[in-house]
Amino acid sequence: MAVGTKRDGAVPLTLDEIRRYQRQIIMPEVGGVGQRKLLDAKVLLIGAGGLGSPAALYLGAAGVGTLGIIDFDDVDMSNLHRQILHGHKDLGRPKVESAADTLHDINPDVQVIGFREPIASDNAMDIVAQFDIVVNGSDNFPTRYLVNDACVFLRKPLVDGSIFRFEGHATVYMPGSGCYRCVFPSPPPPGAVPSCADAGVLGVLPGIIGSIQAVEAIKLILGRGTPLVNRLLIFDSLDMEFREVRIRRDPSCPVCGDEPTITELIDYEAFCGGAAASVLS
């Protein structure tokens, strides 16, 4: 499904838009110009699960004009303690349909483009190319490496997040400033990292990390503040502690390095050793 054309950034805000976004517009860092940037923006969310739910809710409420959501799963009872885009009425429904209904209830003016299919090497480039920013809430290593590589090849900013039990991570990979492979050159061996289905996850944790991802995406759209580029934010909910680790581009990275050896999408299931462990959900 192709994403439509962008709104003309010179078009004045309507009276309804001014009323809806007035608490943002009155901030000098946003204003009318910034709100029009948000309305013109196109953000792709990888997954409508634990991280994708809060990120989508806040991006839609903030007035990001086009939200793409790629997810092939249906809503399950076990999702509901953390995936707040969905409710009991949505059990058994495709997540992209449930997500679109929830987002349109919050902000009917947001265009929601659902991709009810797995993101894979044969469709990732076409889908990612249609958006300005990618927010990654994927739940497995093959998808994380795939999305990273597609963003590097297409020079798209990637707002990355992950959660596990009581801990969450967030960072931003900008074109030319490093990528996921610079930090994690290779995936762990299959079975080395237990899935969230086995180890569990605190339901509120993805709300915190997903909201951080939404903040970072909005900052990139507005061109304001200092994004989490070359910084890995680590949140420990048990100790209520945020820590920051400096990360940097690896000149020998096979994808974004000085002499890349991977120049097109590969077989990520094989690269990750088959059915790799889930890292978030």
C-alpha atoms as a PDB file:
ATOM      1  CA  MET A   1       0.000   0.000   0.000  1.00  0.00           C
ATOM      2  CA  ALA A   2       1.474   3.296  -1.052  1.00  0.00           C
ATOM      3  CA  VAL A   3       1.548   6.237   1.311  1.00  0.00           C
ATOM      4  CA  GLY A   4      -0.157   9.373   0.062  1.00  0.00           C
ATOM      5  CA  THR A   5       1.399  12.710  -0.778  1.00  0.00           C
ATOM      6  CA  LYS A   6       2.486  15.087   1.946  1.00  0.00           C
ATOM      7  CA  ARG A   7       0.423  18.009   3.100  1.00  0.00           C
ATOM      8  CA  ASP A   8       1.615  21.397   1.842  1.00  0.00           C
ATOM      9  CA  GLY A   9       3.616  22.830   4.748  1.00  0.00           C
ATOM     10  CA  ALA A  10       2.567  26.352   3.787  1.00  0.00           C
ATOM     11  CA  VAL A  11      -1.134  25.626   4.317  1.00  0.00           C
ATOM     12  CA  PRO A  12      -2.333  27.447   7.466  1.00  0.00           C
ATOM     13  CA  LEU A  13      -3.631  25.423  10.383  1.00  0.00           C
ATOM     14  CA  THR A  14      -7.384  25.071  10.533  1.00  0.00           C
ATOM     15  CA  LEU A  15      -9.376  26.294  13.518  1.00  0.00           C
ATOM     16  CA  ASP A  16      -9.927  22.692  14.641  1.00  0.00           C
ATOM     17  CA  GLU A  17      -6.194  21.991  14.408  1.00  0.00           C
ATOM     18  CA  ILE A  18      -5.402  25.096  16.444  1.00  0.00           C
ATOM     19  CA  ARG A  19      -7.863  23.960  19.112  1.00  0.00           C
ATOM     20  CA  ARG A  20      -6.559  20.385  19.166  1.00  0.00           C
ATOM     21  CA  TYR A  21      -2.854  21.238  19.316  1.00  0.00           C
ATOM     22  CA  GLN A  22      -2.977  24.542  21.200  1.00  0.00           C
ATOM     23  CA  ARG A  23      -0.936  23.251  24.169  1.00  0.00           C
ATOM     24  CA  GLN A  24       1.886  22.423  21.753  1.00  0.00           C
ATOM     25  CA  ILE A  25       1.518  25.440  19.514  1.00  0.00           C
ATOM     26  CA  ILE A  26       1.938  27.894  22.397  1.00  0.00           C
ATOM     27  CA  MET A  27       5.412  26.510  23.078  1.00  0.00           C
ATOM     28  CA  PRO A  28       7.987  28.564  21.149  1.00  0.00           C
ATOM     29  CA  GLU A  29       9.922  25.402  20.285  1.00  0.00           C
ATOM     30  CA  VAL A  30       6.876  24.168  18.348  1.00  0.00           C
ATOM     31  CA  GLY A  31       4.609  27.012  17.273  1.00  0.00           C
ATOM     32  CA  GLY A  32       2.558  26.909  14.125  1.00  0.00           C
ATOM     33  CA  VAL A  33       5.580  26.086  11.965  1.00  0.00           C
ATOM     34  CA  GLY A  34       6.501  23.099  14.097  1.00  0.00           C
ATOM     35  CA  GLN A  35       2.933  21.827  14.201  1.00  0.00           C
ATOM     36  CA  ARG A  36       2.792  21.939  10.423  1.00  0.00           C
ATOM     37  CA  LYS A  37       6.025  19.912  10.356  1.00  0.00           C
ATOM     38  CA  LEU A  38       4.366  17.298  12.538  1.00  0.00           C
ATOM     39  CA  LEU A  39       1.277  17.208  10.345  1.00  0.00           C
ATOM     40  CA  ASP A  40       3.510  16.780   7.295  1.00  0.00           C
ATOM     41  CA  ALA A  41       5.605  13.991   8.816  1.00  0.00           C
ATOM     42  CA  LYS A  42       5.424  10.281   8.019  1.00  0.00           C
ATOM     43  CA  VAL A  43       6.560   7.835  10.688  1.00  0.00           C
ATOM     44  CA  LEU A  44       6.716   4.056  10.328  1.00  0.00           C
ATOM     45  CA  LEU A  45       6.229   1.923  13.437  1.00  0.00           C
ATOM     46  CA  ILE A  46       7.646  -1.582  13.352  1.00  0.00           C
ATOM     47  CA  GLY A  47       5.115  -3.476  15.466  1.00  0.00           C
ATOM     48  CA  ALA A  48       1.870  -2.550  17.191  1.00  0.00           C
ATOM     49  CA  GLY A  49       2.858  -4.278  20.431  1.00  0.00           C
ATOM     50  CA  GLY A  50       4.345  -3.167  23.727  1.00  0.00           C
ATOM     51  CA  LEU A  51       6.574  -0.392  22.366  1.00  0.00           C
ATOM     52  CA  GLY A  52       4.545   0.429  19.270  1.00  0.00           C
ATOM     53  CA  SER A  53       1.400   1.045  21.334  1.00  0.00           C
ATOM     54  CA  PRO A  54       2.530   4.058  23.418  1.00  0.00           C
ATOM     55  CA  ALA A  55       4.684   5.395  20.597  1.00  0.00           C
ATOM     56  CA  ALA A  56       1.753   5.319  18.168  1.00  0.00           C
ATOM     57  CA  LEU A  57      -0.683   6.805  20.684  1.00  0.00           C
ATOM     58  CA  TYR A  58       1.495   9.806  21.477  1.00  0.00           C
ATOM     59  CA  LEU A  59       2.651  10.386  17.912  1.00  0.00           C
ATOM     60  CA  GLY A  60      -0.937  10.300  16.704  1.00  0.00           C
ATOM     61  CA  ALA A  61      -2.157  12.564  19.494  1.00  0.00           C
ATOM     62  CA  ALA A  62       0.677  15.012  18.774  1.00  0.00           C
ATOM     63  CA  GLY A  63      -0.518  15.330  15.190  1.00  0.00           C
ATOM     64  CA  VAL A  64       2.014  13.331  13.200  1.00  0.00           C
ATOM     65  CA  GLY A  65       0.111  13.303   9.939  1.00  0.00           C
ATOM     66  CA  THR A  66       0.846   9.800   8.671  1.00  0.00           C
ATOM     67  CA  LEU A  67       1.574   6.740  10.778  1.00  0.00           C
ATOM     68  CA  GLY A  68       2.525   3.482   9.110  1.00  0.00           C
ATOM     69  CA  ILE A  69       2.140   0.359  11.230  1.00  0.00           C
ATOM     70  CA  ILE A  70       3.545  -2.980  10.147  1.00  0.00           C
ATOM     71  CA  ASP A  71       2.364  -5.990  12.153  1.00  0.00           C
ATOM     72  CA  PHE A  72       0.961  -9.344  11.043  1.00  0.00           C
ATOM     73  CA  ASP A  73      -0.239 -10.592  14.451  1.00  0.00           C
ATOM     74  CA  ASP A  74      -3.748 -10.743  15.890  1.00  0.00           C
ATOM     75  CA  VAL A  75      -4.662  -9.424  19.332  1.00  0.00           C
ATOM     76  CA  ASP A  76      -4.299 -12.047  22.061  1.00  0.00           C
ATOM     77  CA  MET A  77      -5.372 -11.924  25.706  1.00  0.00           C
ATOM     78  CA  SER A  78      -1.710 -12.090  26.800  1.00  0.00           C
ATOM     79  CA  ASN A  79      -1.025  -8.820  24.955  1.00  0.00           C
ATOM     80  CA  LEU A  80      -3.406  -6.665  26.936  1.00  0.00           C
ATOM     81  CA  HIS A  81      -1.342  -6.023  30.059  1.00  0.00           C
ATOM     82  CA  ARG A  82       1.094  -3.899  28.050  1.00  0.00           C
ATOM     83  CA  GLN A  83      -0.161  -3.355  24.478  1.00  0.00           C
ATOM     84  CA  ILE A  84      -2.478  -0.458  25.215  1.00  0.00           C
ATOM     85  CA  LEU A  85      -3.580   0.127  21.624  1.00  0.00           C
ATOM     86  CA  HIS A  86      -5.852  -2.904  22.026  1.00  0.00           C
ATOM     87  CA  GLY A  87      -8.690  -3.977  24.326  1.00  0.00           C
ATOM     88  CA  HIS A  88     -10.953  -6.942  25.027  1.00  0.00           C
ATOM     89  CA  LYS A  89     -13.213  -5.971  22.152  1.00  0.00           C
ATOM     90  CA  ASP A  90     -10.244  -6.472  19.807  1.00  0.00           C
ATOM     91  CA  LEU A  91      -9.358 -10.045  20.775  1.00  0.00           C
ATOM     92  CA  GLY A  92      -8.740 -12.042  17.605  1.00  0.00           C
ATOM     93  CA  ARG A  93      -8.602  -8.948  15.383  1.00  0.00           C
ATOM     94  CA  PRO A  94      -5.547  -7.998  13.345  1.00  0.00           C
ATOM     95  CA  LYS A  95      -3.443  -5.581  15.375  1.00  0.00           C
ATOM     96  CA  VAL A  96      -3.148  -3.130  12.491  1.00  0.00           C
ATOM     97  CA  GLU A  97      -6.957  -2.817  12.367  1.00  0.00           C
ATOM     98  CA  SER A  98      -7.307  -2.447  16.130  1.00  0.00           C
ATOM     99  CA  ALA A  99      -4.490   0.115  16.172  1.00  0.00           C
ATOM    100  CA  ALA A 100      -6.082   2.174  13.400  1.00  0.00           C
ATOM    101  CA  ASP A 101      -9.433   2.287  15.208  1.00  0.00           C
ATOM    102  CA  THR A 102      -7.837   3.383  18.477  1.00  0.00           C
ATOM    103  CA  LEU A 103      -5.711   6.053  16.815  1.00  0.00           C
ATOM    104  CA  HIS A 104      -8.641   7.441  14.829  1.00  0.00           C
ATOM    105  CA  ASP A 105     -10.660   7.669  18.034  1.00  0.00           C
ATOM    106  CA  ILE A 106      -7.895   9.796  19.574  1.00  0.00           C
ATOM    107  CA  ASN A 107      -7.220  11.844  16.445  1.00  0.00           C
ATOM    108  CA  PRO A 108      -9.430  11.226  13.403  1.00  0.00           C
ATOM    109  CA  ASP A 109      -7.232  13.422  11.228  1.00  0.00           C
ATOM    110  CA  VAL A 110      -4.210  11.103  11.372  1.00  0.00           C
ATOM    111  CA  GLN A 111      -3.742   8.877   8.342  1.00  0.00           C
ATOM    112  CA  VAL A 112      -2.977   5.340   9.495  1.00  0.00           C
ATOM    113  CA  ILE A 113      -1.455   2.997   6.925  1.00  0.00           C
ATOM    114  CA  GLY A 114      -1.538  -0.625   8.024  1.00  0.00           C
ATOM    115  CA  PHE A 115       0.760  -3.286   6.618  1.00  0.00           C
ATOM    116  CA  ARG A 116      -0.595  -6.645   7.757  1.00  0.00           C
ATOM    117  CA  GLU A 117       2.428  -8.634   6.711  1.00  0.00           C
ATOM    118  CA  PRO A 118       5.816  -9.586   8.122  1.00  0.00           C
ATOM    119  CA  ILE A 119       8.565  -7.153   7.241  1.00  0.00           C
ATOM    120  CA  ALA A 120      11.110  -9.114   5.253  1.00  0.00           C
ATOM    121  CA  SER A 121      13.979  -8.687   2.831  1.00  0.00           C
ATOM    122  CA  ASP A 122      11.617  -8.634  -0.145  1.00  0.00           C
ATOM    123  CA  ASN A 123       9.408  -5.775   1.083  1.00  0.00           C
ATOM    124  CA  ALA A 124      11.403  -3.773   3.645  1.00  0.00           C
ATOM    125  CA  MET A 125      13.038  -1.359   1.225  1.00  0.00           C
ATOM    126  CA  ASP A 126       9.755  -0.494  -0.509  1.00  0.00           C
ATOM    127  CA  ILE A 127       7.933   0.084   2.783  1.00  0.00           C
ATOM    128  CA  VAL A 128      10.653   1.990   4.651  1.00  0.00           C
ATOM    129  CA  ALA A 129      11.328   4.240   1.653  1.00  0.00           C
ATOM    130  CA  GLN A 130       7.861   5.782   1.983  1.00  0.00           C
ATOM    131  CA  PHE A 131       8.497   7.219   5.461  1.00  0.00           C
ATOM    132  CA  ASP A 132      10.681   9.905   7.039  1.00  0.00           C
ATOM    133  CA  ILE A 133      11.498   8.169  10.344  1.00  0.00           C
ATOM    134  CA  VAL A 134      11.308   4.567  11.558  1.00  0.00           C
ATOM    135  CA  VAL A 135      10.392   3.691  15.159  1.00  0.00           C
ATOM    136  CA  ASN A 136      11.485   0.139  15.906  1.00  0.00           C
ATOM    137  CA  GLY A 137       9.481  -1.914  18.381  1.00  0.00           C
ATOM    138  CA  SER A 138      10.206  -5.311  16.861  1.00  0.00           C
ATOM    139  CA  ASP A 139      10.356  -8.399  19.031  1.00  0.00           C
ATOM    140  CA  ASN A 140      13.082 -10.527  17.458  1.00  0.00           C
ATOM    141  CA  PHE A 141      16.672 -10.251  16.306  1.00  0.00           C
ATOM    142  CA  PRO A 142      16.188 -10.992  12.584  1.00  0.00           C
ATOM    143  CA  THR A 143      13.743  -8.083  12.315  1.00  0.00           C
ATOM    144  CA  ARG A 144      16.002  -5.750  14.281  1.00  0.00           C
ATOM    145  CA  TYR A 145      18.954  -6.377  11.953  1.00  0.00           C
ATOM    146  CA  LEU A 146      16.729  -6.207   8.877  1.00  0.00           C
ATOM    147  CA  VAL A 147      15.176  -2.863   9.861  1.00  0.00           C
ATOM    148  CA  ASN A 148      18.576  -1.459  10.785  1.00  0.00           C
ATOM    149  CA  ASP A 149      20.108  -2.393   7.455  1.00  0.00           C
ATOM    150  CA  ALA A 150      17.164  -1.036   5.459  1.00  0.00           C
ATOM    151  CA  CYS A 151      17.385   2.279   7.318  1.00  0.00           C
ATOM    152  CA  VAL A 152      21.134   2.496   6.666  1.00  0.00           C
ATOM    153  CA  PHE A 153      20.715   1.792   2.950  1.00  0.00           C
ATOM    154  CA  LEU A 154      17.859   4.311   2.637  1.00  0.00           C
ATOM    155  CA  ARG A 155      19.471   6.847   5.003  1.00  0.00           C
ATOM    156  CA  LYS A 156      16.448   6.960   7.314  1.00  0.00           C
ATOM    157  CA  PRO A 157      16.688   7.868  11.020  1.00  0.00           C
ATOM    158  CA  LEU A 158      15.939   4.873  13.245  1.00  0.00           C
ATOM    159  CA  VAL A 159      14.503   5.403  16.730  1.00  0.00           C
ATOM    160  CA  ASP A 160      15.284   2.124  18.453  1.00  0.00           C
ATOM    161  CA  GLY A 161      13.908   0.660  21.656  1.00  0.00           C
ATOM    162  CA  SER A 162      13.968  -2.642  23.504  1.00  0.00           C
ATOM    163  CA  ILE A 163      12.627  -4.044  26.756  1.00  0.00           C
ATOM    164  CA  PHE A 164      13.320  -7.101  28.887  1.00  0.00           C
ATOM    165  CA  ARG A 165      11.806  -7.909  32.279  1.00  0.00           C
ATOM    166  CA  PHE A 166      12.454  -4.678  34.278  1.00  0.00           C
ATOM    167  CA  GLU A 167      14.963  -2.971  31.947  1.00  0.00           C
ATOM    168  CA  GLY A 168      14.584  -0.934  28.789  1.00  0.00           C
ATOM    169  CA  HIS A 169      16.927   0.652  26.229  1.00  0.00           C
ATOM    170  CA  ALA A 170      16.433   3.520  23.784  1.00  0.00           C
ATOM    171  CA  THR A 171      18.688   5.206  21.248  1.00  0.00           C
ATOM    172  CA  VAL A 172      18.605   6.959  17.868  1.00  0.00           C
ATOM    173  CA  TYR A 173      20.656   5.895  14.862  1.00  0.00           C
ATOM    174  CA  MET A 174      21.128   8.734  12.398  1.00  0.00           C
ATOM    175  CA  PRO A 175      22.538   8.258   8.893  1.00  0.00           C
ATOM    176  CA  GLY A 176      26.323   8.539   9.042  1.00  0.00           C
ATOM    177  CA  SER A 177      26.467   8.311  12.854  1.00  0.00           C
ATOM    178  CA  GLY A 178      26.490   4.568  13.345  1.00  0.00           C
ATOM    179  CA  CYS A 179      23.884   1.837  13.426  1.00  0.00           C
ATOM    180  CA  TYR A 180      22.591  -1.109  15.436  1.00  0.00           C
ATOM    181  CA  ARG A 181      25.368  -3.326  14.075  1.00  0.00           C
ATOM    182  CA  CYS A 182      28.008  -0.945  15.430  1.00  0.00           C
ATOM    183  CA  VAL A 183      26.754  -1.724  18.938  1.00  0.00           C
ATOM    184  CA  PHE A 184      25.691  -5.325  18.371  1.00  0.00           C
ATOM    185  CA  PRO A 185      27.832  -6.711  15.530  1.00  0.00           C
ATOM    186  CA  SER A 186      26.253 -10.151  15.732  1.00  0.00           C
ATOM    187  CA  PRO A 187      23.177 -11.648  17.406  1.00  0.00           C
ATOM    188  CA  PRO A 188      23.456 -13.920  20.434  1.00  0.00           C
ATOM    189  CA  PRO A 189      23.341 -17.667  19.810  1.00  0.00           C
ATOM    190  CA  PRO A 190      19.806 -19.064  19.576  1.00  0.00           C
ATOM    191  CA  GLY A 191      18.502 -19.757  23.072  1.00  0.00           C
ATOM    192  CA  ALA A 192      21.092 -17.570  24.809  1.00  0.00           C
ATOM    193  CA  VAL A 193      18.530 -14.833  25.504  1.00  0.00           C
ATOM    194  CA  PRO A 194      15.131 -16.010  26.803  1.00  0.00           C
ATOM    195  CA  SER A 195      12.054 -14.569  25.164  1.00  0.00           C
ATOM    196  CA  CYS A 196       9.632 -12.320  26.997  1.00  0.00           C
ATOM    197  CA  ALA A 197       7.176 -15.222  26.887  1.00  0.00           C
ATOM    198  CA  ASP A 198       9.678 -17.186  28.991  1.00  0.00           C
ATOM    199  CA  ALA A 199      11.245 -14.441  31.136  1.00  0.00           C
ATOM    200  CA  GLY A 200       8.352 -11.971  31.312  1.00  0.00           C
ATOM    201  CA  VAL A 201       8.185  -8.187  31.128  1.00  0.00           C
ATOM    202  CA  LEU A 202       6.755  -5.561  33.481  1.00  0.00           C
ATOM    203  CA  GLY A 203       3.631  -4.276  31.749  1.00  0.00           C
ATOM    204  CA  VAL A 204       4.309  -0.584  32.364  1.00  0.00           C
ATOM    205  CA  LEU A 205       7.924  -0.745  31.100  1.00  0.00           C
ATOM    206  CA  PRO A 206       7.132  -0.530  27.368  1.00  0.00           C
ATOM    207  CA  GLY A 207       4.964   2.502  28.148  1.00  0.00           C
ATOM    208  CA  ILE A 208       8.047   4.323  29.411  1.00  0.00           C
ATOM    209  CA  ILE A 209      10.412   3.267  26.627  1.00  0.00           C
ATOM    210  CA  GLY A 210       7.808   3.668  23.887  1.00  0.00           C
ATOM    211  CA  SER A 211       7.030   7.172  25.125  1.00  0.00           C
ATOM    212  CA  ILE A 212      10.740   8.022  24.994  1.00  0.00           C
ATOM    213  CA  GLN A 213      10.788   6.787  21.413  1.00  0.00           C
ATOM    214  CA  ALA A 214       7.841   9.063  20.607  1.00  0.00           C
ATOM    215  CA  VAL A 215       9.654  12.040  22.157  1.00  0.00           C
ATOM    216  CA  GLU A 216      12.761  11.314  20.099  1.00  0.00           C
ATOM    217  CA  ALA A 217      10.772  11.024  16.873  1.00  0.00           C
ATOM    218  CA  ILE A 218       9.014  14.339  17.556  1.00  0.00           C
ATOM    219  CA  LYS A 219      12.337  16.035  18.307  1.00  0.00           C
ATOM    220  CA  LEU A 220      13.713  14.803  14.981  1.00  0.00           C
ATOM    221  CA  ILE A 221      10.655  16.099  13.123  1.00  0.00           C
ATOM    222  CA  LEU A 222      10.867  19.501  14.801  1.00  0.00           C
ATOM    223  CA  GLY A 223      14.649  19.720  14.619  1.00  0.00           C
ATOM    224  CA  ARG A 224      14.725  20.635  18.310  1.00  0.00           C
ATOM    225  CA  GLY A 225      16.733  19.475  21.289  1.00  0.00           C
ATOM    226  CA  THR A 226      19.522  16.922  21.476  1.00  0.00           C
ATOM    227  CA  PRO A 227      18.463  13.492  20.201  1.00  0.00           C
ATOM    228  CA  LEU A 228      19.788  10.234  21.614  1.00  0.00           C
ATOM    229  CA  VAL A 229      22.345   9.928  18.824  1.00  0.00           C
ATOM    230  CA  ASN A 230      25.493   8.044  19.892  1.00  0.00           C
ATOM    231  CA  ARG A 231      23.887   7.626  23.311  1.00  0.00           C
ATOM    232  CA  LEU A 232      22.240   4.472  24.632  1.00  0.00           C
ATOM    233  CA  LEU A 233      19.738   5.280  27.368  1.00  0.00           C
ATOM    234  CA  ILE A 234      19.283   2.427  29.859  1.00  0.00           C
ATOM    235  CA  PHE A 235      16.346   2.431  32.261  1.00  0.00           C
ATOM    236  CA  ASP A 236      16.259   0.131  35.298  1.00  0.00           C
ATOM    237  CA  SER A 237      12.721   0.226  36.675  1.00  0.00           C
ATOM    238  CA  LEU A 238      13.559  -1.706  39.848  1.00  0.00           C
ATOM    239  CA  ASP A 239      16.062   0.923  40.982  1.00  0.00           C
ATOM    240  CA  MET A 240      14.242   3.746  39.099  1.00  0.00           C
ATOM    241  CA  GLU A 241      17.556   4.667  37.528  1.00  0.00           C
ATOM    242  CA  PHE A 242      18.443   6.055  34.116  1.00  0.00           C
ATOM    243  CA  ARG A 243      21.984   5.555  32.856  1.00  0.00           C
ATOM    244  CA  GLU A 244      23.597   6.653  29.626  1.00  0.00           C
ATOM    245  CA  VAL A 245      26.284   4.824  27.687  1.00  0.00           C
ATOM    246  CA  ARG A 246      28.167   6.542  24.899  1.00  0.00           C
ATOM    247  CA  ILE A 247      28.190   4.588  21.657  1.00  0.00           C
ATOM    248  CA  ARG A 248      29.877   5.408  18.390  1.00  0.00           C
ATOM    249  CA  ARG A 249      30.050   4.450  14.771  1.00  0.00           C
ATOM    250  CA  ASP A 250      32.335   1.512  14.042  1.00  0.00           C
ATOM    251  CA  PRO A 251      34.501   2.263  10.964  1.00  0.00           C
ATOM    252  CA  SER A 252      34.690  -1.491  10.335  1.00  0.00           C
ATOM    253  CA  CYS A 253      30.914  -2.034  10.532  1.00  0.00           C
ATOM    254  CA  PRO A 254      29.897  -4.312   7.638  1.00  0.00           C
ATOM    255  CA  VAL A 255      26.880  -2.125   6.831  1.00  0.00           C
ATOM    256  CA  CYS A 256      27.698   1.517   7.681  1.00  0.00           C
ATOM    257  CA  GLY A 257      31.491   1.331   7.953  1.00  0.00           C
ATOM    258  CA  ASP A 258      34.127   2.850   5.726  1.00  0.00           C
ATOM    259  CA  GLU A 259      34.285  -0.244   3.525  1.00  0.00           C
ATOM    260  CA  PRO A 260      30.921  -1.999   3.895  1.00  0.00           C
ATOM    261  CA  THR A 261      30.736  -5.648   2.943  1.00  0.00           C
ATOM    262  CA  ILE A 262      26.939  -5.884   3.169  1.00  0.00           C
ATOM    263  CA  THR A 263      25.333  -3.638   0.588  1.00  0.00           C
ATOM    264  CA  GLU A 264      21.897  -5.215   0.239  1.00  0.00           C
ATOM    265  CA  LEU A 265      19.424  -7.019   2.443  1.00  0.00           C
ATOM    266  CA  ILE A 266      20.345 -10.601   3.316  1.00  0.00           C
ATOM    267  CA  ASP A 267      18.710 -13.710   4.792  1.00  0.00           C
ATOM    268  CA  TYR A 268      18.269 -12.515   8.390  1.00  0.00           C
ATOM    269  CA  GLU A 269      16.836 -15.745   9.747  1.00  0.00           C
ATOM    270  CA  ALA A 270      19.992 -17.529   8.619  1.00  0.00           C
ATOM    271  CA  PHE A 271      22.195 -14.703   9.926  1.00  0.00           C
ATOM    272  CA  CYS A 272      20.548 -14.949  13.360  1.00  0.00           C
ATOM    273  CA  GLY A 273      20.663 -18.728  13.435  1.00  0.00           C
ATOM    274  CA  GLY A 274      17.065 -19.509  12.714  1.00  0.00           C
ATOM    275  CA  ALA A 275      14.277 -18.688  15.133  1.00  0.00           C
ATOM    276  CA  ALA A 276      16.174 -16.189  17.264  1.00  0.00           C
ATOM    277  CA  ALA A 277      15.011 -15.249  20.725  1.00  0.00           C
ATOM    278  CA  SER A 278      12.545 -12.458  21.274  1.00  0.00           C
ATOM    279  CA  VAL A 279      14.037  -9.344  22.846  1.00  0.00           C
ATOM    280  CA  LEU A 280      10.819  -7.490  23.579  1.00  0.00           C
ATOM    281  CA  SER A 281       7.088  -7.747  23.115  1.00  0.00           C
END
